[in-house]
Amino acid sequence: MEQDIFKGRGSRISPRNPYLKREEVIQHIEGIDEEKHQDKPVTKFFTENLVNALSKNDSPDLPLDYSVNPYQGCEHGCIYCYARNSHQYWGFDAGLGFETNIVVKHNIVEVLKKQFQKKNYQPKPIMLSGNTDCYQPAEKKFGLTRKILELCLQVGHPVSIITKNSLIHRDEDLLVKLAEKKLVHVYFSINHLDNELKASLEPRTAIASKKLAIMAQFSSSGIPCGVMVAPIIPSLNTQDIPKIIELAAGAGALRAGYTVVRLNGSIKEIFSSWIYLHYPERAEKVLHQIEELHGGKVNDSDWGRRIVGAGPISDMIRQIFKVSEAKYLKGRKMPEFNFSEFMPTGQTRLF
């Protein structure tokens, strides 16, 4: 049965990469071409040697100027992930290719350390990760995220983390030490409370209850935590917004944020294929409401609107979020980052 073939994967298709002139298929002697993923897709790892570890963010929609991404591609398989499109620049497709071809940046810690030590470098909080999840399954094998955190602790550099994976619990010892110096914020991405929906929408992520349990543990250990309700998909997970914020507040969250879904580039084809397969009875409604969020299109590149949408549905989502935030998180805020600890050589001040 097709449903079982790609268990644990989000996308079941490999859309054409618009940047490639050639396309890989399986060709039978009869001359019939088929998709290359006919059997269970297997994850492959590729090595990339970096020159620059810091990715500059020019978007006014995002709060931090720099992100660090130890991996490109992601086995989490979140069907809506905007990072799928960027995987095409690496020569892979945005569907199953994004989930099965993981680029590992083995020298990222050494390069990042050298960038911190540059004469004119001014420390600003870095985001782990701005593109793909730094605690995706590959991290258990390669441990690059932990090494980056060790470097940030060594040199006193602020870092903000966002993840959907429970593997972050492994690094609680480092996060406690970073928190003591006011060098870390941790955000858990939770956009629904339905485990059945999770199994197809974001198959290899942790369930909401597990992320909330880790948030509670971290909060009790002094690690400042927040929740990102992202992305919100109308007629699919909107109803969970108040409860997510309530539960996160109960687990010690100090801040909440949200974004709405947008289907740029190949994401439109991937998401449409997914929703017609899993939720055929409401597929048209969901896609039309996404269009209403973005001026009549499912894709959106306009600053501001692309993050929270516009129009009546956007207003409804914003109202639900704001009321919940005021009810459960009133008076809470993340601690300010401490920049006075930064010593790029890792040496302690003598005076």
C-alpha atoms as a PDB file:
ATOM      1  CA  MET A   1       0.000   0.000   0.000  1.00  0.00           C
ATOM      2  CA  GLU A   2       1.373   3.424  -0.976  1.00  0.00           C
ATOM      3  CA  GLN A   3       0.593   4.868   2.467  1.00  0.00           C
ATOM      4  CA  ASP A   4       3.117   2.455   4.008  1.00  0.00           C
ATOM      5  CA  ILE A   5       5.895   2.797   1.422  1.00  0.00           C
ATOM      6  CA  PHE A   6       7.231   6.129   2.676  1.00  0.00           C
ATOM      7  CA  LYS A   7       6.337   5.847   6.347  1.00  0.00           C
ATOM      8  CA  GLY A   8       8.177   8.491   8.341  1.00  0.00           C
ATOM      9  CA  ARG A   9       8.544  10.840   5.361  1.00  0.00           C
ATOM     10  CA  GLY A  10       6.508  13.999   4.828  1.00  0.00           C
ATOM     11  CA  SER A  11       6.546  14.410   1.063  1.00  0.00           C
ATOM     12  CA  ARG A  12       5.831  11.497  -1.275  1.00  0.00           C
ATOM     13  CA  ILE A  13       6.938  13.327  -4.391  1.00  0.00           C
ATOM     14  CA  SER A  14      10.171  14.644  -5.908  1.00  0.00           C
ATOM     15  CA  PRO A  15       9.225  17.822  -7.799  1.00  0.00           C
ATOM     16  CA  ARG A  16      11.460  18.944 -10.622  1.00  0.00           C
ATOM     17  CA  ASN A  17      14.381  21.147  -9.579  1.00  0.00           C
ATOM     18  CA  PRO A  18      14.045  24.333 -11.694  1.00  0.00           C
ATOM     19  CA  TYR A  19      17.797  24.987 -11.419  1.00  0.00           C
ATOM     20  CA  LEU A  20      18.786  21.704 -13.060  1.00  0.00           C
ATOM     21  CA  LYS A  21      18.716  20.995 -16.784  1.00  0.00           C
ATOM     22  CA  ARG A  22      18.759  17.258 -16.224  1.00  0.00           C
ATOM     23  CA  GLU A  23      16.397  15.093 -14.193  1.00  0.00           C
ATOM     24  CA  GLU A  24      17.125  11.707 -12.599  1.00  0.00           C
ATOM     25  CA  VAL A  25      14.531   8.981 -13.192  1.00  0.00           C
ATOM     26  CA  ILE A  26      14.421   5.184 -13.460  1.00  0.00           C
ATOM     27  CA  GLN A  27      14.103   4.125 -17.078  1.00  0.00           C
ATOM     28  CA  HIS A  28      12.760   0.695 -17.955  1.00  0.00           C
ATOM     29  CA  ILE A  29      13.664  -1.136 -21.118  1.00  0.00           C
ATOM     30  CA  GLU A  30      10.153  -0.381 -22.362  1.00  0.00           C
ATOM     31  CA  GLY A  31      11.092   3.297 -22.290  1.00  0.00           C
ATOM     32  CA  ILE A  32       8.735   4.268 -19.439  1.00  0.00           C
ATOM     33  CA  ASP A  33      10.226   6.727 -16.953  1.00  0.00           C
ATOM     34  CA  GLU A  34       9.273   6.559 -13.283  1.00  0.00           C
ATOM     35  CA  GLU A  35      10.042   8.527 -10.139  1.00  0.00           C
ATOM     36  CA  LYS A  36      13.408   7.449  -8.675  1.00  0.00           C
ATOM     37  CA  HIS A  37      11.942   6.840  -5.186  1.00  0.00           C
ATOM     38  CA  GLN A  38      10.051   3.595  -5.769  1.00  0.00           C
ATOM     39  CA  ASP A  39      11.320   1.802  -2.662  1.00  0.00           C
ATOM     40  CA  LYS A  40      11.673   3.098   0.893  1.00  0.00           C
ATOM     41  CA  PRO A  41      13.844   6.256   0.670  1.00  0.00           C
ATOM     42  CA  VAL A  42      17.167   5.966   2.485  1.00  0.00           C
ATOM     43  CA  THR A  43      18.925   8.971   4.025  1.00  0.00           C
ATOM     44  CA  LYS A  44      22.301   9.876   2.530  1.00  0.00           C
ATOM     45  CA  PHE A  45      24.828  12.329   3.994  1.00  0.00           C
ATOM     46  CA  PHE A  46      27.055  14.718   2.039  1.00  0.00           C
ATOM     47  CA  THR A  47      30.004  16.755   3.294  1.00  0.00           C
ATOM     48  CA  GLU A  48      30.299  20.504   2.728  1.00  0.00           C
ATOM     49  CA  ASN A  49      33.425  22.470   3.685  1.00  0.00           C
ATOM     50  CA  LEU A  50      32.407  26.002   4.575  1.00  0.00           C
ATOM     51  CA  VAL A  51      34.158  29.297   4.066  1.00  0.00           C
ATOM     52  CA  ASN A  52      31.490  31.260   5.967  1.00  0.00           C
ATOM     53  CA  ALA A  53      29.523  29.851   8.914  1.00  0.00           C
ATOM     54  CA  LEU A  54      27.294  32.893   9.513  1.00  0.00           C
ATOM     55  CA  SER A  55      24.258  33.347   7.268  1.00  0.00           C
ATOM     56  CA  LYS A  56      23.238  37.020   7.020  1.00  0.00           C
ATOM     57  CA  ASN A  57      19.560  37.741   7.360  1.00  0.00           C
ATOM     58  CA  ASP A  58      18.294  40.778   5.458  1.00  0.00           C
ATOM     59  CA  SER A  59      14.598  40.221   6.235  1.00  0.00           C
ATOM     60  CA  PRO A  60      12.879  42.831   8.429  1.00  0.00           C
ATOM     61  CA  ASP A  61      10.445  40.076   9.450  1.00  0.00           C
ATOM     62  CA  LEU A  62      13.078  38.188  11.451  1.00  0.00           C
ATOM     63  CA  PRO A  63      14.483  39.467  14.770  1.00  0.00           C
ATOM     64  CA  LEU A  64      18.088  38.235  14.490  1.00  0.00           C
ATOM     65  CA  ASP A  65      20.707  39.290  11.942  1.00  0.00           C
ATOM     66  CA  TYR A  66      22.655  36.031  11.734  1.00  0.00           C
ATOM     67  CA  SER A  67      21.885  32.323  11.727  1.00  0.00           C
ATOM     68  CA  VAL A  68      24.117  29.264  11.886  1.00  0.00           C
ATOM     69  CA  ASN A  69      22.942  26.105  10.145  1.00  0.00           C
ATOM     70  CA  PRO A  70      25.063  22.981  10.699  1.00  0.00           C
ATOM     71  CA  TYR A  71      22.849  20.933   8.358  1.00  0.00           C
ATOM     72  CA  GLN A  72      21.102  21.539   5.046  1.00  0.00           C
ATOM     73  CA  GLY A  73      18.091  19.360   4.295  1.00  0.00           C
ATOM     74  CA  CYS A  74      16.070  17.852   7.141  1.00  0.00           C
ATOM     75  CA  GLU A  75      14.700  14.414   7.977  1.00  0.00           C
ATOM     76  CA  HIS A  76      11.900  15.923  10.049  1.00  0.00           C
ATOM     77  CA  GLY A  77       9.926  16.061   6.802  1.00  0.00           C
ATOM     78  CA  CYS A  78       7.673  18.992   7.756  1.00  0.00           C
ATOM     79  CA  ILE A  79       5.503  19.341   4.680  1.00  0.00           C
ATOM     80  CA  TYR A  80       5.300  23.155   4.790  1.00  0.00           C
ATOM     81  CA  CYS A  81       8.993  23.882   5.464  1.00  0.00           C
ATOM     82  CA  TYR A  82      10.257  26.966   3.612  1.00  0.00           C
ATOM     83  CA  ALA A  83      13.810  25.516   3.669  1.00  0.00           C
ATOM     84  CA  ARG A  84      12.750  22.934   1.097  1.00  0.00           C
ATOM     85  CA  ASN A  85      13.193  25.526  -1.668  1.00  0.00           C
ATOM     86  CA  SER A  86      16.779  26.350  -0.706  1.00  0.00           C
ATOM     87  CA  HIS A  87      17.701  22.668  -1.010  1.00  0.00           C
ATOM     88  CA  GLN A  88      17.336  23.056  -4.758  1.00  0.00           C
ATOM     89  CA  TYR A  89      20.415  25.322  -4.802  1.00  0.00           C
ATOM     90  CA  TRP A  90      22.429  22.300  -3.621  1.00  0.00           C
ATOM     91  CA  GLY A  91      21.265  20.206  -6.583  1.00  0.00           C
ATOM     92  CA  PHE A  92      18.489  18.254  -4.831  1.00  0.00           C
ATOM     93  CA  ASP A  93      14.711  18.378  -5.113  1.00  0.00           C
ATOM     94  CA  ALA A  94      12.509  20.060  -2.529  1.00  0.00           C
ATOM     95  CA  GLY A  95      10.391  16.992  -1.803  1.00  0.00           C
ATOM     96  CA  LEU A  96      11.818  13.632  -0.831  1.00  0.00           C
ATOM     97  CA  GLY A  97      15.244  14.900  -1.880  1.00  0.00           C
ATOM     98  CA  PHE A  98      15.108  17.471   0.937  1.00  0.00           C
ATOM     99  CA  GLU A  99      14.348  14.750   3.476  1.00  0.00           C
ATOM    100  CA  THR A 100      16.814  12.128   2.265  1.00  0.00           C
ATOM    101  CA  ASN A 101      19.903  14.106   1.171  1.00  0.00           C
ATOM    102  CA  ILE A 102      21.415  15.817   4.201  1.00  0.00           C
ATOM    103  CA  VAL A 103      24.389  18.137   3.759  1.00  0.00           C
ATOM    104  CA  VAL A 104      26.646  18.062   6.828  1.00  0.00           C
ATOM    105  CA  LYS A 105      28.920  21.072   7.412  1.00  0.00           C
ATOM    106  CA  HIS A 106      31.676  19.276   9.306  1.00  0.00           C
ATOM    107  CA  ASN A 107      34.026  22.277   9.631  1.00  0.00           C
ATOM    108  CA  ILE A 108      31.371  24.739  10.790  1.00  0.00           C
ATOM    109  CA  VAL A 109      32.722  25.078  14.364  1.00  0.00           C
ATOM    110  CA  GLU A 110      36.281  25.844  13.235  1.00  0.00           C
ATOM    111  CA  VAL A 111      35.054  28.397  10.686  1.00  0.00           C
ATOM    112  CA  LEU A 112      32.685  30.019  13.188  1.00  0.00           C
ATOM    113  CA  LYS A 113      35.475  30.329  15.762  1.00  0.00           C
ATOM    114  CA  LYS A 114      37.680  32.113  13.225  1.00  0.00           C
ATOM    115  CA  GLN A 115      34.854  34.503  12.363  1.00  0.00           C
ATOM    116  CA  PHE A 116      34.329  35.303  16.045  1.00  0.00           C
ATOM    117  CA  GLN A 117      38.053  36.137  16.271  1.00  0.00           C
ATOM    118  CA  LYS A 118      38.078  38.601  13.383  1.00  0.00           C
ATOM    119  CA  LYS A 119      39.278  42.036  14.467  1.00  0.00           C
ATOM    120  CA  ASN A 120      36.106  43.923  13.545  1.00  0.00           C
ATOM    121  CA  TYR A 121      33.579  41.277  14.607  1.00  0.00           C
ATOM    122  CA  GLN A 122      30.785  42.644  16.812  1.00  0.00           C
ATOM    123  CA  PRO A 123      28.765  39.991  18.682  1.00  0.00           C
ATOM    124  CA  LYS A 124      25.060  39.766  17.926  1.00  0.00           C
ATOM    125  CA  PRO A 125      22.731  36.928  18.935  1.00  0.00           C
ATOM    126  CA  ILE A 126      22.900  34.104  16.405  1.00  0.00           C
ATOM    127  CA  MET A 127      19.974  31.851  15.573  1.00  0.00           C
ATOM    128  CA  LEU A 128      20.394  28.076  15.696  1.00  0.00           C
ATOM    129  CA  SER A 129      18.872  27.397  13.203  1.00  0.00           C
ATOM    130  CA  GLY A 130      17.439  29.897  10.781  1.00  0.00           C
ATOM    131  CA  ASN A 131      16.929  27.338   8.045  1.00  0.00           C
ATOM    132  CA  THR A 132      16.780  23.640   9.008  1.00  0.00           C
ATOM    133  CA  ASP A 133      16.445  22.265  12.539  1.00  0.00           C
ATOM    134  CA  CYS A 134      19.788  22.037  14.324  1.00  0.00           C
ATOM    135  CA  TYR A 135      18.464  19.092  16.395  1.00  0.00           C
ATOM    136  CA  GLN A 136      17.204  17.028  13.475  1.00  0.00           C
ATOM    137  CA  PRO A 137      18.106  13.283  13.531  1.00  0.00           C
ATOM    138  CA  ALA A 138      21.511  13.931  11.917  1.00  0.00           C
ATOM    139  CA  GLU A 139      22.609  15.775  15.072  1.00  0.00           C
ATOM    140  CA  LYS A 140      22.530  12.529  17.057  1.00  0.00           C
ATOM    141  CA  LYS A 141      25.112  11.134  14.638  1.00  0.00           C
ATOM    142  CA  PHE A 142      27.359  14.180  14.079  1.00  0.00           C
ATOM    143  CA  GLY A 143      26.951  16.375  17.199  1.00  0.00           C
ATOM    144  CA  LEU A 144      27.692  19.690  15.465  1.00  0.00           C
ATOM    145  CA  THR A 145      25.048  21.649  17.384  1.00  0.00           C
ATOM    146  CA  ARG A 146      26.517  20.623  20.722  1.00  0.00           C
ATOM    147  CA  LYS A 147      29.981  21.701  19.538  1.00  0.00           C
ATOM    148  CA  ILE A 148      28.592  25.092  18.492  1.00  0.00           C
ATOM    149  CA  LEU A 149      27.031  25.540  21.938  1.00  0.00           C
ATOM    150  CA  GLU A 150      30.344  24.586  23.556  1.00  0.00           C
ATOM    151  CA  LEU A 151      32.047  27.273  21.474  1.00  0.00           C
ATOM    152  CA  CYS A 152      29.420  29.891  22.412  1.00  0.00           C
ATOM    153  CA  LEU A 153      29.936  29.061  26.091  1.00  0.00           C
ATOM    154  CA  GLN A 154      33.714  29.191  25.718  1.00  0.00           C
ATOM    155  CA  VAL A 155      33.761  32.639  24.103  1.00  0.00           C
ATOM    156  CA  GLY A 156      30.629  34.065  25.771  1.00  0.00           C
ATOM    157  CA  HIS A 157      28.554  34.507  22.618  1.00  0.00           C
ATOM    158  CA  PRO A 158      24.713  34.836  22.787  1.00  0.00           C
ATOM    159  CA  VAL A 159      22.678  32.223  20.936  1.00  0.00           C
ATOM    160  CA  SER A 160      18.966  31.663  20.328  1.00  0.00           C
ATOM    161  CA  ILE A 161      17.724  28.149  19.508  1.00  0.00           C
ATOM    162  CA  ILE A 162      14.506  26.963  17.890  1.00  0.00           C
ATOM    163  CA  THR A 163      13.679  23.273  17.506  1.00  0.00           C
ATOM    164  CA  LYS A 164      10.947  20.660  17.098  1.00  0.00           C
ATOM    165  CA  ASN A 165      13.092  17.792  18.353  1.00  0.00           C
ATOM    166  CA  SER A 166      13.427  16.371  21.856  1.00  0.00           C
ATOM    167  CA  LEU A 167      17.158  15.743  21.274  1.00  0.00           C
ATOM    168  CA  ILE A 168      17.775  19.220  22.734  1.00  0.00           C
ATOM    169  CA  HIS A 169      17.298  17.624  26.157  1.00  0.00           C
ATOM    170  CA  ARG A 170      20.741  16.002  25.698  1.00  0.00           C
ATOM    171  CA  ASP A 171      22.381  19.440  25.949  1.00  0.00           C
ATOM    172  CA  GLU A 172      20.688  20.644  29.124  1.00  0.00           C
ATOM    173  CA  ASP A 173      24.050  20.803  30.911  1.00  0.00           C
ATOM    174  CA  LEU A 174      25.420  23.315  28.403  1.00  0.00           C
ATOM    175  CA  LEU A 175      22.170  25.284  28.220  1.00  0.00           C
ATOM    176  CA  VAL A 176      22.115  25.716  32.014  1.00  0.00           C
ATOM    177  CA  LYS A 177      25.643  27.167  31.935  1.00  0.00           C
ATOM    178  CA  LEU A 178      24.757  29.469  29.033  1.00  0.00           C
ATOM    179  CA  ALA A 179      21.598  30.591  30.847  1.00  0.00           C
ATOM    180  CA  GLU A 180      23.572  31.437  33.989  1.00  0.00           C
ATOM    181  CA  LYS A 181      25.518  33.939  31.861  1.00  0.00           C
ATOM    182  CA  LYS A 182      22.358  35.138  30.047  1.00  0.00           C
ATOM    183  CA  LEU A 183      23.650  33.825  26.754  1.00  0.00           C
ATOM    184  CA  VAL A 184      20.761  31.641  25.555  1.00  0.00           C
ATOM    185  CA  HIS A 185      17.078  31.657  24.627  1.00  0.00           C
ATOM    186  CA  VAL A 186      15.321  28.398  23.697  1.00  0.00           C
ATOM    187  CA  TYR A 187      12.159  28.244  21.586  1.00  0.00           C
ATOM    188  CA  PHE A 188      10.079  25.157  20.969  1.00  0.00           C
ATOM    189  CA  SER A 189       8.064  25.084  17.761  1.00  0.00           C
ATOM    190  CA  ILE A 190       4.575  23.713  18.495  1.00  0.00           C
ATOM    191  CA  ASN A 191       1.764  24.314  16.029  1.00  0.00           C
ATOM    192  CA  HIS A 192      -0.761  21.586  16.947  1.00  0.00           C
ATOM    193  CA  LEU A 193      -1.723  19.136  19.678  1.00  0.00           C
ATOM    194  CA  ASP A 194      -2.932  16.339  17.391  1.00  0.00           C
ATOM    195  CA  ASN A 195      -0.537  13.367  17.277  1.00  0.00           C
ATOM    196  CA  GLU A 196      -2.326  11.916  14.252  1.00  0.00           C
ATOM    197  CA  LEU A 197      -1.833  15.174  12.347  1.00  0.00           C
ATOM    198  CA  LYS A 198       1.831  15.240  13.409  1.00  0.00           C
ATOM    199  CA  ALA A 199       2.441  11.811  11.914  1.00  0.00           C
ATOM    200  CA  SER A 200       1.861  13.144   8.399  1.00  0.00           C
ATOM    201  CA  LEU A 201       2.439  16.907   8.738  1.00  0.00           C
ATOM    202  CA  GLU A 202       5.849  16.723  10.473  1.00  0.00           C
ATOM    203  CA  PRO A 203       6.562  12.991  10.821  1.00  0.00           C
ATOM    204  CA  ARG A 204       9.975  12.864  12.492  1.00  0.00           C
ATOM    205  CA  THR A 205       9.497  15.643  15.019  1.00  0.00           C
ATOM    206  CA  ALA A 206       8.693  15.179  18.713  1.00  0.00           C
ATOM    207  CA  ILE A 207       5.053  15.185  19.797  1.00  0.00           C
ATOM    208  CA  ALA A 208       3.810  18.342  21.529  1.00  0.00           C
ATOM    209  CA  SER A 209       3.552  16.763  24.992  1.00  0.00           C
ATOM    210  CA  LYS A 210       7.216  15.727  24.890  1.00  0.00           C
ATOM    211  CA  LYS A 211       8.359  19.224  23.899  1.00  0.00           C
ATOM    212  CA  LEU A 212       6.222  20.741  26.647  1.00  0.00           C
ATOM    213  CA  ALA A 213       7.721  18.339  29.215  1.00  0.00           C
ATOM    214  CA  ILE A 214      11.247  19.373  28.207  1.00  0.00           C
ATOM    215  CA  MET A 215      10.218  23.038  28.334  1.00  0.00           C
ATOM    216  CA  ALA A 216       9.013  22.538  31.907  1.00  0.00           C
ATOM    217  CA  GLN A 217      12.278  20.817  32.844  1.00  0.00           C
ATOM    218  CA  PHE A 218      14.361  23.554  31.242  1.00  0.00           C
ATOM    219  CA  SER A 219      12.332  26.313  32.887  1.00  0.00           C
ATOM    220  CA  SER A 220      12.836  24.718  36.303  1.00  0.00           C
ATOM    221  CA  SER A 221      16.583  24.626  35.548  1.00  0.00           C
ATOM    222  CA  GLY A 222      16.673  28.335  34.756  1.00  0.00           C
ATOM    223  CA  ILE A 223      16.819  28.053  30.957  1.00  0.00           C
ATOM    224  CA  PRO A 224      14.578  30.777  29.435  1.00  0.00           C
ATOM    225  CA  CYS A 225      12.060  29.201  27.044  1.00  0.00           C
ATOM    226  CA  GLY A 226       9.451  30.400  24.595  1.00  0.00           C
ATOM    227  CA  VAL A 227       7.014  28.842  22.146  1.00  0.00           C
ATOM    228  CA  MET A 228       6.580  29.452  18.428  1.00  0.00           C
ATOM    229  CA  VAL A 229       3.121  28.529  17.166  1.00  0.00           C
ATOM    230  CA  ALA A 230       4.290  28.139  13.599  1.00  0.00           C
ATOM    231  CA  PRO A 231       3.111  27.864  11.019  1.00  0.00           C
ATOM    232  CA  ILE A 232      -0.603  28.316  11.526  1.00  0.00           C
ATOM    233  CA  ILE A 233      -2.553  26.615   8.739  1.00  0.00           C
ATOM    234  CA  PRO A 234      -6.187  27.800   8.544  1.00  0.00           C
ATOM    235  CA  SER A 235      -8.833  25.081   8.965  1.00  0.00           C
ATOM    236  CA  LEU A 236      -6.130  22.639  10.052  1.00  0.00           C
ATOM    237  CA  ASN A 237      -4.540  23.786  13.335  1.00  0.00           C
ATOM    238  CA  THR A 238      -6.013  27.216  14.129  1.00  0.00           C
ATOM    239  CA  GLN A 239      -8.192  25.779  16.892  1.00  0.00           C
ATOM    240  CA  ASP A 240      -5.122  24.698  18.905  1.00  0.00           C
ATOM    241  CA  ILE A 241      -3.610  28.195  19.344  1.00  0.00           C
ATOM    242  CA  PRO A 242      -5.138  29.040  22.776  1.00  0.00           C
ATOM    243  CA  LYS A 243      -4.413  25.630  24.278  1.00  0.00           C
ATOM    244  CA  ILE A 244      -0.815  25.586  23.024  1.00  0.00           C
ATOM    245  CA  ILE A 245      -0.131  28.963  24.654  1.00  0.00           C
ATOM    246  CA  GLU A 246      -1.893  27.888  27.861  1.00  0.00           C
ATOM    247  CA  LEU A 247       0.133  24.671  28.092  1.00  0.00           C
ATOM    248  CA  ALA A 248       3.378  26.437  27.210  1.00  0.00           C
ATOM    249  CA  ALA A 249       2.741  29.042  29.894  1.00  0.00           C
ATOM    250  CA  GLY A 250       2.130  26.232  32.373  1.00  0.00           C
ATOM    251  CA  ALA A 251       5.496  24.774  31.349  1.00  0.00           C
ATOM    252  CA  GLY A 252       7.218  28.085  32.100  1.00  0.00           C
ATOM    253  CA  ALA A 253       7.289  29.775  28.678  1.00  0.00           C
ATOM    254  CA  LEU A 254       8.221  33.446  28.854  1.00  0.00           C
ATOM    255  CA  ARG A 255       7.225  34.440  25.330  1.00  0.00           C
ATOM    256  CA  ALA A 256       5.162  33.287  22.355  1.00  0.00           C
ATOM    257  CA  GLY A 257       5.238  34.073  18.661  1.00  0.00           C
ATOM    258  CA  TYR A 258       3.511  32.846  15.534  1.00  0.00           C
ATOM    259  CA  THR A 259       3.645  32.799  11.744  1.00  0.00           C
ATOM    260  CA  VAL A 260       1.137  31.707   9.108  1.00  0.00           C
ATOM    261  CA  VAL A 261       1.854  29.220   6.353  1.00  0.00           C
ATOM    262  CA  ARG A 262       2.928  30.344   2.871  1.00  0.00           C
ATOM    263  CA  LEU A 263       3.578  28.088  -0.073  1.00  0.00           C
ATOM    264  CA  ASN A 264       6.396  29.629  -2.087  1.00  0.00           C
ATOM    265  CA  GLY A 265       8.162  27.883  -4.954  1.00  0.00           C
ATOM    266  CA  SER A 266       7.987  24.095  -4.928  1.00  0.00           C
ATOM    267  CA  ILE A 267       6.224  24.096  -1.539  1.00  0.00           C
ATOM    268  CA  LYS A 268       2.916  24.744  -3.325  1.00  0.00           C
ATOM    269  CA  GLU A 269       3.133  21.466  -5.253  1.00  0.00           C
ATOM    270  CA  ILE A 270       4.409  19.501  -2.244  1.00  0.00           C
ATOM    271  CA  PHE A 271       1.780  20.840   0.186  1.00  0.00           C
ATOM    272  CA  SER A 272      -1.071  20.450  -2.319  1.00  0.00           C
ATOM    273  CA  SER A 273      -0.100  16.838  -2.987  1.00  0.00           C
ATOM    274  CA  TRP A 274       0.011  16.194   0.756  1.00  0.00           C
ATOM    275  CA  ILE A 275      -3.319  17.754   1.686  1.00  0.00           C
ATOM    276  CA  TYR A 276      -5.261  16.119  -1.146  1.00  0.00           C
ATOM    277  CA  LEU A 277      -3.826  12.774  -0.020  1.00  0.00           C
ATOM    278  CA  HIS A 278      -4.435  13.130   3.725  1.00  0.00           C
ATOM    279  CA  TYR A 279      -7.360  15.580   3.974  1.00  0.00           C
ATOM    280  CA  PRO A 280      -9.198  15.463   0.627  1.00  0.00           C
ATOM    281  CA  GLU A 281     -12.495  16.615   2.129  1.00  0.00           C
ATOM    282  CA  ARG A 282     -11.037  19.944   3.256  1.00  0.00           C
ATOM    283  CA  ALA A 283      -8.173  20.449   0.808  1.00  0.00           C
ATOM    284  CA  GLU A 284      -9.918  23.089  -1.310  1.00  0.00           C
ATOM    285  CA  LYS A 285     -11.005  25.031   1.779  1.00  0.00           C
ATOM    286  CA  VAL A 286      -7.511  25.065   3.271  1.00  0.00           C
ATOM    287  CA  LEU A 287      -5.845  26.160   0.023  1.00  0.00           C
ATOM    288  CA  HIS A 288      -8.422  28.910  -0.574  1.00  0.00           C
ATOM    289  CA  GLN A 289      -7.973  30.230   2.965  1.00  0.00           C
ATOM    290  CA  ILE A 290      -4.199  30.277   2.524  1.00  0.00           C
ATOM    291  CA  GLU A 291      -4.807  32.363  -0.608  1.00  0.00           C
ATOM    292  CA  GLU A 292      -6.959  34.752   1.439  1.00  0.00           C
ATOM    293  CA  LEU A 293      -4.042  35.265   3.815  1.00  0.00           C
ATOM    294  CA  HIS A 294      -1.710  36.334   1.018  1.00  0.00           C
ATOM    295  CA  GLY A 295      -3.640  38.607  -1.305  1.00  0.00           C
ATOM    296  CA  GLY A 296      -5.157  35.864  -3.459  1.00  0.00           C
ATOM    297  CA  LYS A 297      -2.058  33.654  -3.831  1.00  0.00           C
ATOM    298  CA  VAL A 298      -0.713  30.773  -1.762  1.00  0.00           C
ATOM    299  CA  ASN A 299       2.805  32.157  -2.160  1.00  0.00           C
ATOM    300  CA  ASP A 300       3.890  35.472  -0.696  1.00  0.00           C
ATOM    301  CA  SER A 301       7.153  37.427  -0.644  1.00  0.00           C
ATOM    302  CA  ASP A 302       5.878  40.748   0.700  1.00  0.00           C
ATOM    303  CA  TRP A 303       7.634  41.822   3.907  1.00  0.00           C
ATOM    304  CA  GLY A 304       5.297  41.716   6.876  1.00  0.00           C
ATOM    305  CA  ARG A 305       2.333  40.078   5.178  1.00  0.00           C
ATOM    306  CA  ARG A 306       4.234  36.903   4.344  1.00  0.00           C
ATOM    307  CA  ILE A 307       4.747  36.196   8.061  1.00  0.00           C
ATOM    308  CA  VAL A 308       1.312  36.966   9.551  1.00  0.00           C
ATOM    309  CA  GLY A 309      -0.904  37.390   6.481  1.00  0.00           C
ATOM    310  CA  ALA A 310      -3.559  40.034   5.854  1.00  0.00           C
ATOM    311  CA  GLY A 311      -7.350  40.183   5.655  1.00  0.00           C
ATOM    312  CA  PRO A 312     -10.181  38.729   7.772  1.00  0.00           C
ATOM    313  CA  ILE A 313      -8.623  35.305   8.403  1.00  0.00           C
ATOM    314  CA  SER A 314      -5.323  36.927   9.397  1.00  0.00           C
ATOM    315  CA  ASP A 315      -7.210  39.280  11.728  1.00  0.00           C
ATOM    316  CA  MET A 316      -8.997  36.329  13.335  1.00  0.00           C
ATOM    317  CA  ILE A 317      -5.720  34.461  13.905  1.00  0.00           C
ATOM    318  CA  ARG A 318      -4.053  37.576  15.317  1.00  0.00           C
ATOM    319  CA  GLN A 319      -6.968  38.159  17.690  1.00  0.00           C
ATOM    320  CA  ILE A 320      -6.950  34.566  18.947  1.00  0.00           C
ATOM    321  CA  PHE A 321      -3.192  34.763  19.510  1.00  0.00           C
ATOM    322  CA  LYS A 322      -3.221  38.153  21.233  1.00  0.00           C
ATOM    323  CA  VAL A 323      -6.085  37.233  23.592  1.00  0.00           C
ATOM    324  CA  SER A 324      -4.324  33.982  24.533  1.00  0.00           C
ATOM    325  CA  GLU A 325      -0.998  35.755  24.993  1.00  0.00           C
ATOM    326  CA  ALA A 326      -2.552  38.394  27.264  1.00  0.00           C
ATOM    327  CA  LYS A 327      -4.376  35.740  29.289  1.00  0.00           C
ATOM    328  CA  TYR A 328      -1.504  33.314  29.859  1.00  0.00           C
ATOM    329  CA  LEU A 329       1.773  35.223  29.370  1.00  0.00           C
ATOM    330  CA  LYS A 330       1.016  38.664  30.748  1.00  0.00           C
ATOM    331  CA  GLY A 331       4.028  40.271  32.409  1.00  0.00           C
ATOM    332  CA  ARG A 332       6.506  37.658  31.180  1.00  0.00           C
ATOM    333  CA  LYS A 333       9.466  38.352  28.926  1.00  0.00           C
ATOM    334  CA  MET A 334      12.752  36.827  27.880  1.00  0.00           C
ATOM    335  CA  PRO A 335      15.862  38.087  29.720  1.00  0.00           C
ATOM    336  CA  GLU A 336      18.108  40.462  27.795  1.00  0.00           C
ATOM    337  CA  PHE A 337      21.197  38.905  26.267  1.00  0.00           C
ATOM    338  CA  ASN A 338      24.510  39.645  27.968  1.00  0.00           C
ATOM    339  CA  PHE A 339      27.238  40.821  25.582  1.00  0.00           C
ATOM    340  CA  SER A 340      29.812  41.654  28.243  1.00  0.00           C
ATOM    341  CA  GLU A 341      30.944  38.002  28.436  1.00  0.00           C
ATOM    342  CA  PHE A 342      32.230  37.915  24.855  1.00  0.00           C
ATOM    343  CA  MET A 343      35.920  37.048  24.653  1.00  0.00           C
ATOM    344  CA  PRO A 344      36.686  35.651  21.171  1.00  0.00           C
ATOM    345  CA  THR A 345      39.874  33.902  22.291  1.00  0.00           C
ATOM    346  CA  GLY A 346      38.033  32.190  25.127  1.00  0.00           C
ATOM    347  CA  GLN A 347      40.416  33.654  27.693  1.00  0.00           C
ATOM    348  CA  THR A 348      39.096  34.946  31.010  1.00  0.00           C
ATOM    349  CA  ARG A 349      39.467  38.639  31.807  1.00  0.00           C
ATOM    350  CA  LEU A 350      42.112  39.375  34.434  1.00  0.00           C
ATOM    351  CA  PHE A 351      40.827  42.780  35.477  1.00  0.00           C
END
